[in-house]
Amino acid sequence: MTMRPIRIIGDPVLRTPCEPVTSFDAELRALVTDLMDTLLGAPGRAGVAAPQIGISAQVFVYDADGHRGHLVNPTLELSTETQLDDEGCLSIPGLYFPTPRALHVTAHGFDQYGEPRTITGSGFLARALQHETDHLAGRLYVDTLRGDTRRQALREIRAGRFATPNR
């Protein structure tokens, strides 16, 4: 089992859009394995994206609502129906804020062998797929917050009120 350290907010890799995967090779399969090992060993987990372990590649793994897997080079179709629920992130540990997301999502992409893959989800699975896809574009969930909630989140982040591994 290879658990990789999670990058924490402030690390530039979390704000940099990832490169699309072009080689579906043993290196990609090893990355998917490391991501899943990291996810399964992390507390409060729903997914881990490659930039969270310092890799600029459009790959993430998920484990939400009884669905576990991975997606490479994802694109999303979002419903117009929305949900609002608390959301957190392994890269901003210990902070949770009500975050708006689409209620239903269809994700298109590829598996680690380059085979086309489609995942349809609602509720928590839809939230996880959106959250992880955002990571691949250099976005964090706090970027979707608005108004007082956004101001509170940014204040807490600036004050360092999130739980870091060294605290």
C-alpha atoms as a PDB file:
ATOM      1  CA  MET A   1       0.000   0.000   0.000  1.00  0.00           C
ATOM      2  CA  THR A   2       1.457   3.361  -1.085  1.00  0.00           C
ATOM      3  CA  MET A   3      -0.161   6.302   0.641  1.00  0.00           C
ATOM      4  CA  ARG A   4       1.087   9.592  -0.717  1.00  0.00           C
ATOM      5  CA  PRO A   5       1.147  12.831   1.321  1.00  0.00           C
ATOM      6  CA  ILE A   6      -1.758  15.157   0.556  1.00  0.00           C
ATOM      7  CA  ARG A   7      -0.820  18.647  -0.633  1.00  0.00           C
ATOM      8  CA  ILE A   8      -2.352  21.403   1.490  1.00  0.00           C
ATOM      9  CA  ILE A   9      -3.858  24.709   0.363  1.00  0.00           C
ATOM     10  CA  GLY A  10      -1.083  27.134  -0.503  1.00  0.00           C
ATOM     11  CA  ASP A  11       0.748  24.552  -2.622  1.00  0.00           C
ATOM     12  CA  PRO A  12       0.732  25.930  -6.214  1.00  0.00           C
ATOM     13  CA  VAL A  13      -0.008  22.494  -7.723  1.00  0.00           C
ATOM     14  CA  LEU A  14      -3.541  22.752  -6.295  1.00  0.00           C
ATOM     15  CA  ARG A  15      -4.176  25.946  -8.300  1.00  0.00           C
ATOM     16  CA  THR A  16      -2.654  24.782 -11.597  1.00  0.00           C
ATOM     17  CA  PRO A  17      -4.867  23.170 -14.272  1.00  0.00           C
ATOM     18  CA  CYS A  18      -3.716  19.612 -14.970  1.00  0.00           C
ATOM     19  CA  GLU A  19      -2.489  18.214 -18.238  1.00  0.00           C
ATOM     20  CA  PRO A  20      -4.723  15.684 -20.013  1.00  0.00           C
ATOM     21  CA  VAL A  21      -3.490  12.103 -19.858  1.00  0.00           C
ATOM     22  CA  THR A  22      -2.156  10.922 -23.238  1.00  0.00           C
ATOM     23  CA  SER A  23      -0.448   7.641 -22.274  1.00  0.00           C
ATOM     24  CA  PHE A  24      -2.531   4.861 -20.798  1.00  0.00           C
ATOM     25  CA  ASP A  25       0.448   2.885 -19.594  1.00  0.00           C
ATOM     26  CA  ALA A  26       1.908   1.196 -16.517  1.00  0.00           C
ATOM     27  CA  GLU A  27       2.823   4.602 -15.057  1.00  0.00           C
ATOM     28  CA  LEU A  28      -0.835   5.683 -15.186  1.00  0.00           C
ATOM     29  CA  ARG A  29      -1.972   2.407 -13.622  1.00  0.00           C
ATOM     30  CA  ALA A  30       0.562   2.897 -10.796  1.00  0.00           C
ATOM     31  CA  LEU A  31      -0.779   6.430 -10.260  1.00  0.00           C
ATOM     32  CA  VAL A  32      -4.366   5.139 -10.042  1.00  0.00           C
ATOM     33  CA  THR A  33      -3.240   2.524  -7.499  1.00  0.00           C
ATOM     34  CA  ASP A  34      -1.400   5.134  -5.408  1.00  0.00           C
ATOM     35  CA  LEU A  35      -4.407   7.462  -5.528  1.00  0.00           C
ATOM     36  CA  MET A  36      -6.744   4.696  -4.357  1.00  0.00           C
ATOM     37  CA  ASP A  37      -4.350   3.641  -1.584  1.00  0.00           C
ATOM     38  CA  THR A  38      -4.141   7.278  -0.471  1.00  0.00           C
ATOM     39  CA  LEU A  39      -7.926   7.642  -0.580  1.00  0.00           C
ATOM     40  CA  LEU A  40      -8.592   4.483   1.407  1.00  0.00           C
ATOM     41  CA  GLY A  41      -6.080   5.536   4.061  1.00  0.00           C
ATOM     42  CA  ALA A  42      -7.401   9.085   4.414  1.00  0.00           C
ATOM     43  CA  PRO A  43      -9.959  10.150   7.027  1.00  0.00           C
ATOM     44  CA  GLY A  44     -13.300  11.556   5.853  1.00  0.00           C
ATOM     45  CA  ARG A  45     -12.651  10.615   2.288  1.00  0.00           C
ATOM     46  CA  ALA A  46     -14.767  10.700  -0.876  1.00  0.00           C
ATOM     47  CA  GLY A  47     -12.067  11.183  -3.493  1.00  0.00           C
ATOM     48  CA  VAL A  48      -8.490  12.146  -4.248  1.00  0.00           C
ATOM     49  CA  ALA A  49      -7.262  13.867  -7.403  1.00  0.00           C
ATOM     50  CA  ALA A  50      -3.750  13.630  -8.842  1.00  0.00           C
ATOM     51  CA  PRO A  51      -2.789  17.251  -8.024  1.00  0.00           C
ATOM     52  CA  GLN A  52      -3.532  16.545  -4.354  1.00  0.00           C
ATOM     53  CA  ILE A  53      -0.503  14.254  -4.376  1.00  0.00           C
ATOM     54  CA  GLY A  54       1.565  16.631  -6.521  1.00  0.00           C
ATOM     55  CA  ILE A  55       0.930  15.137  -9.974  1.00  0.00           C
ATOM     56  CA  SER A  56      -0.362  17.297 -12.850  1.00  0.00           C
ATOM     57  CA  ALA A  57      -2.580  14.738 -14.558  1.00  0.00           C
ATOM     58  CA  GLN A  58      -6.321  14.631 -15.168  1.00  0.00           C
ATOM     59  CA  VAL A  59      -6.982  11.604 -12.964  1.00  0.00           C
ATOM     60  CA  PHE A  60      -8.990  11.071  -9.804  1.00  0.00           C
ATOM     61  CA  VAL A  61     -10.355   8.237  -7.700  1.00  0.00           C
ATOM     62  CA  TYR A  62     -13.610   8.233  -5.745  1.00  0.00           C
ATOM     63  CA  ASP A  63     -15.422   6.211  -3.096  1.00  0.00           C
ATOM     64  CA  ALA A  64     -18.897   7.648  -2.530  1.00  0.00           C
ATOM     65  CA  ASP A  65     -22.384   6.231  -1.965  1.00  0.00           C
ATOM     66  CA  GLY A  66     -21.175   2.667  -2.485  1.00  0.00           C
ATOM     67  CA  HIS A  67     -19.444   3.492  -5.781  1.00  0.00           C
ATOM     68  CA  ARG A  68     -15.676   3.205  -6.018  1.00  0.00           C
ATOM     69  CA  GLY A  69     -13.505   3.797  -9.049  1.00  0.00           C
ATOM     70  CA  HIS A  70     -11.423   6.220 -11.043  1.00  0.00           C
ATOM     71  CA  LEU A  71     -11.775   8.508 -14.028  1.00  0.00           C
ATOM     72  CA  VAL A  72      -9.199   9.881 -16.468  1.00  0.00           C
ATOM     73  CA  ASN A  73      -9.703  13.096 -18.499  1.00  0.00           C
ATOM     74  CA  PRO A  74     -13.237  13.661 -17.189  1.00  0.00           C
ATOM     75  CA  THR A  75     -15.910  15.961 -18.562  1.00  0.00           C
ATOM     76  CA  LEU A  76     -19.164  16.584 -16.717  1.00  0.00           C
ATOM     77  CA  GLU A  77     -22.798  17.106 -17.675  1.00  0.00           C
ATOM     78  CA  LEU A  78     -24.545  18.878 -14.784  1.00  0.00           C
ATOM     79  CA  SER A  79     -28.233  18.985 -13.986  1.00  0.00           C
ATOM     80  CA  THR A  80     -29.934  22.307 -13.418  1.00  0.00           C
ATOM     81  CA  GLU A  81     -31.260  20.986 -10.092  1.00  0.00           C
ATOM     82  CA  THR A  82     -28.959  21.896  -7.230  1.00  0.00           C
ATOM     83  CA  GLN A  83     -28.049  20.679  -3.760  1.00  0.00           C
ATOM     84  CA  LEU A  84     -26.521  22.528  -0.826  1.00  0.00           C
ATOM     85  CA  ASP A  85     -24.616  20.528   1.770  1.00  0.00           C
ATOM     86  CA  ASP A  86     -21.453  20.760   3.821  1.00  0.00           C
ATOM     87  CA  GLU A  87     -18.332  19.954   1.856  1.00  0.00           C
ATOM     88  CA  GLY A  88     -14.737  19.541   2.933  1.00  0.00           C
ATOM     89  CA  CYS A  89     -11.434  18.703   1.285  1.00  0.00           C
ATOM     90  CA  LEU A  90      -8.368  16.699   2.253  1.00  0.00           C
ATOM     91  CA  SER A  91      -6.304  19.677   1.055  1.00  0.00           C
ATOM     92  CA  ILE A  92      -8.103  22.019   3.493  1.00  0.00           C
ATOM     93  CA  PRO A  93      -8.462  19.576   6.401  1.00  0.00           C
ATOM     94  CA  GLY A  94     -10.958  20.214   9.162  1.00  0.00           C
ATOM     95  CA  LEU A  95     -12.968  22.950   7.423  1.00  0.00           C
ATOM     96  CA  TYR A  96     -16.467  22.271   6.088  1.00  0.00           C
ATOM     97  CA  PHE A  97     -18.837  24.750   4.482  1.00  0.00           C
ATOM     98  CA  PRO A  98     -22.234  24.536   2.771  1.00  0.00           C
ATOM     99  CA  THR A  99     -21.322  24.282  -0.897  1.00  0.00           C
ATOM    100  CA  PRO A 100     -23.688  24.495  -3.870  1.00  0.00           C
ATOM    101  CA  ARG A 101     -23.399  21.693  -6.421  1.00  0.00           C
ATOM    102  CA  ALA A 102     -25.512  20.152  -9.176  1.00  0.00           C
ATOM    103  CA  LEU A 103     -27.782  17.442  -7.819  1.00  0.00           C
ATOM    104  CA  HIS A 104     -27.185  15.042 -10.731  1.00  0.00           C
ATOM    105  CA  VAL A 105     -24.038  14.509 -12.811  1.00  0.00           C
ATOM    106  CA  THR A 106     -22.998  12.395 -15.745  1.00  0.00           C
ATOM    107  CA  ALA A 107     -19.203  12.099 -15.966  1.00  0.00           C
ATOM    108  CA  HIS A 108     -17.519  10.966 -19.165  1.00  0.00           C
ATOM    109  CA  GLY A 109     -13.880   9.950 -19.402  1.00  0.00           C
ATOM    110  CA  PHE A 110     -11.675   6.906 -19.587  1.00  0.00           C
ATOM    111  CA  ASP A 111     -10.438   4.140 -17.326  1.00  0.00           C
ATOM    112  CA  GLN A 112      -6.754   3.454 -16.718  1.00  0.00           C
ATOM    113  CA  TYR A 113      -6.586   1.318 -19.880  1.00  0.00           C
ATOM    114  CA  GLY A 114      -8.026   4.014 -22.156  1.00  0.00           C
ATOM    115  CA  GLU A 115     -11.495   2.480 -22.380  1.00  0.00           C
ATOM    116  CA  PRO A 116     -14.394   4.976 -22.422  1.00  0.00           C
ATOM    117  CA  ARG A 117     -16.247   5.244 -19.131  1.00  0.00           C
ATOM    118  CA  THR A 118     -19.472   6.984 -18.068  1.00  0.00           C
ATOM    119  CA  ILE A 119     -20.561   7.427 -14.456  1.00  0.00           C
ATOM    120  CA  THR A 120     -23.952   8.824 -13.512  1.00  0.00           C
ATOM    121  CA  GLY A 121     -24.594   9.903  -9.956  1.00  0.00           C
ATOM    122  CA  SER A 122     -26.838  11.941  -7.702  1.00  0.00           C
ATOM    123  CA  GLY A 123     -26.442  13.444  -4.258  1.00  0.00           C
ATOM    124  CA  PHE A 124     -23.127  12.672  -2.571  1.00  0.00           C
ATOM    125  CA  LEU A 125     -21.658  10.827  -5.583  1.00  0.00           C
ATOM    126  CA  ALA A 126     -22.517  13.785  -7.836  1.00  0.00           C
ATOM    127  CA  ARG A 127     -20.876  16.118  -5.294  1.00  0.00           C
ATOM    128  CA  ALA A 128     -17.707  13.974  -5.181  1.00  0.00           C
ATOM    129  CA  LEU A 129     -17.421  13.818  -8.989  1.00  0.00           C
ATOM    130  CA  GLN A 130     -17.753  17.614  -9.257  1.00  0.00           C
ATOM    131  CA  HIS A 131     -15.309  18.221  -6.392  1.00  0.00           C
ATOM    132  CA  GLU A 132     -12.610  15.977  -7.879  1.00  0.00           C
ATOM    133  CA  THR A 133     -13.071  17.312 -11.415  1.00  0.00           C
ATOM    134  CA  ASP A 134     -12.657  20.841 -10.025  1.00  0.00           C
ATOM    135  CA  HIS A 135      -9.256  19.811  -8.608  1.00  0.00           C
ATOM    136  CA  LEU A 136      -8.122  18.908 -12.127  1.00  0.00           C
ATOM    137  CA  ALA A 137      -8.933  22.462 -13.264  1.00  0.00           C
ATOM    138  CA  GLY A 138      -7.001  24.036 -10.376  1.00  0.00           C
ATOM    139  CA  ARG A 139     -10.147  24.879  -8.394  1.00  0.00           C
ATOM    140  CA  LEU A 140     -10.950  24.165  -4.748  1.00  0.00           C
ATOM    141  CA  TYR A 141     -14.430  23.883  -3.279  1.00  0.00           C
ATOM    142  CA  VAL A 142     -14.016  27.206  -1.474  1.00  0.00           C
ATOM    143  CA  ASP A 143     -13.912  28.862  -4.917  1.00  0.00           C
ATOM    144  CA  THR A 144     -17.604  27.982  -5.394  1.00  0.00           C
ATOM    145  CA  LEU A 145     -18.676  29.637  -2.138  1.00  0.00           C
ATOM    146  CA  ARG A 146     -20.436  32.996  -2.158  1.00  0.00           C
ATOM    147  CA  GLY A 147     -21.219  35.840   0.217  1.00  0.00           C
ATOM    148  CA  ASP A 148     -20.727  35.456   3.962  1.00  0.00           C
ATOM    149  CA  THR A 149     -19.850  31.760   3.644  1.00  0.00           C
ATOM    150  CA  ARG A 150     -16.972  32.562   1.281  1.00  0.00           C
ATOM    151  CA  ARG A 151     -15.716  35.378   3.505  1.00  0.00           C
ATOM    152  CA  GLN A 152     -15.793  33.094   6.563  1.00  0.00           C
ATOM    153  CA  ALA A 153     -13.946  30.303   4.726  1.00  0.00           C
ATOM    154  CA  LEU A 154     -11.239  32.648   3.457  1.00  0.00           C
ATOM    155  CA  ARG A 155     -10.798  34.185   6.936  1.00  0.00           C
ATOM    156  CA  GLU A 156     -10.340  30.739   8.479  1.00  0.00           C
ATOM    157  CA  ILE A 157      -7.890  29.675   5.780  1.00  0.00           C
ATOM    158  CA  ARG A 158      -5.836  32.889   6.116  1.00  0.00           C
ATOM    159  CA  ALA A 159      -5.802  32.422   9.903  1.00  0.00           C
ATOM    160  CA  GLY A 160      -4.557  28.849   9.434  1.00  0.00           C
ATOM    161  CA  ARG A 161      -7.565  27.388  11.249  1.00  0.00           C
ATOM    162  CA  PHE A 162      -7.541  24.208   9.227  1.00  0.00           C
ATOM    163  CA  ALA A 163      -5.897  21.071  10.579  1.00  0.00           C
ATOM    164  CA  THR A 164      -2.467  20.530   9.051  1.00  0.00           C
ATOM    165  CA  PRO A 165      -0.604  17.232   9.399  1.00  0.00           C
ATOM    166  CA  ASN A 166       2.075  18.946  11.544  1.00  0.00           C
ATOM    167  CA  ARG A 167      -0.338  20.411  14.099  1.00  0.00           C
END
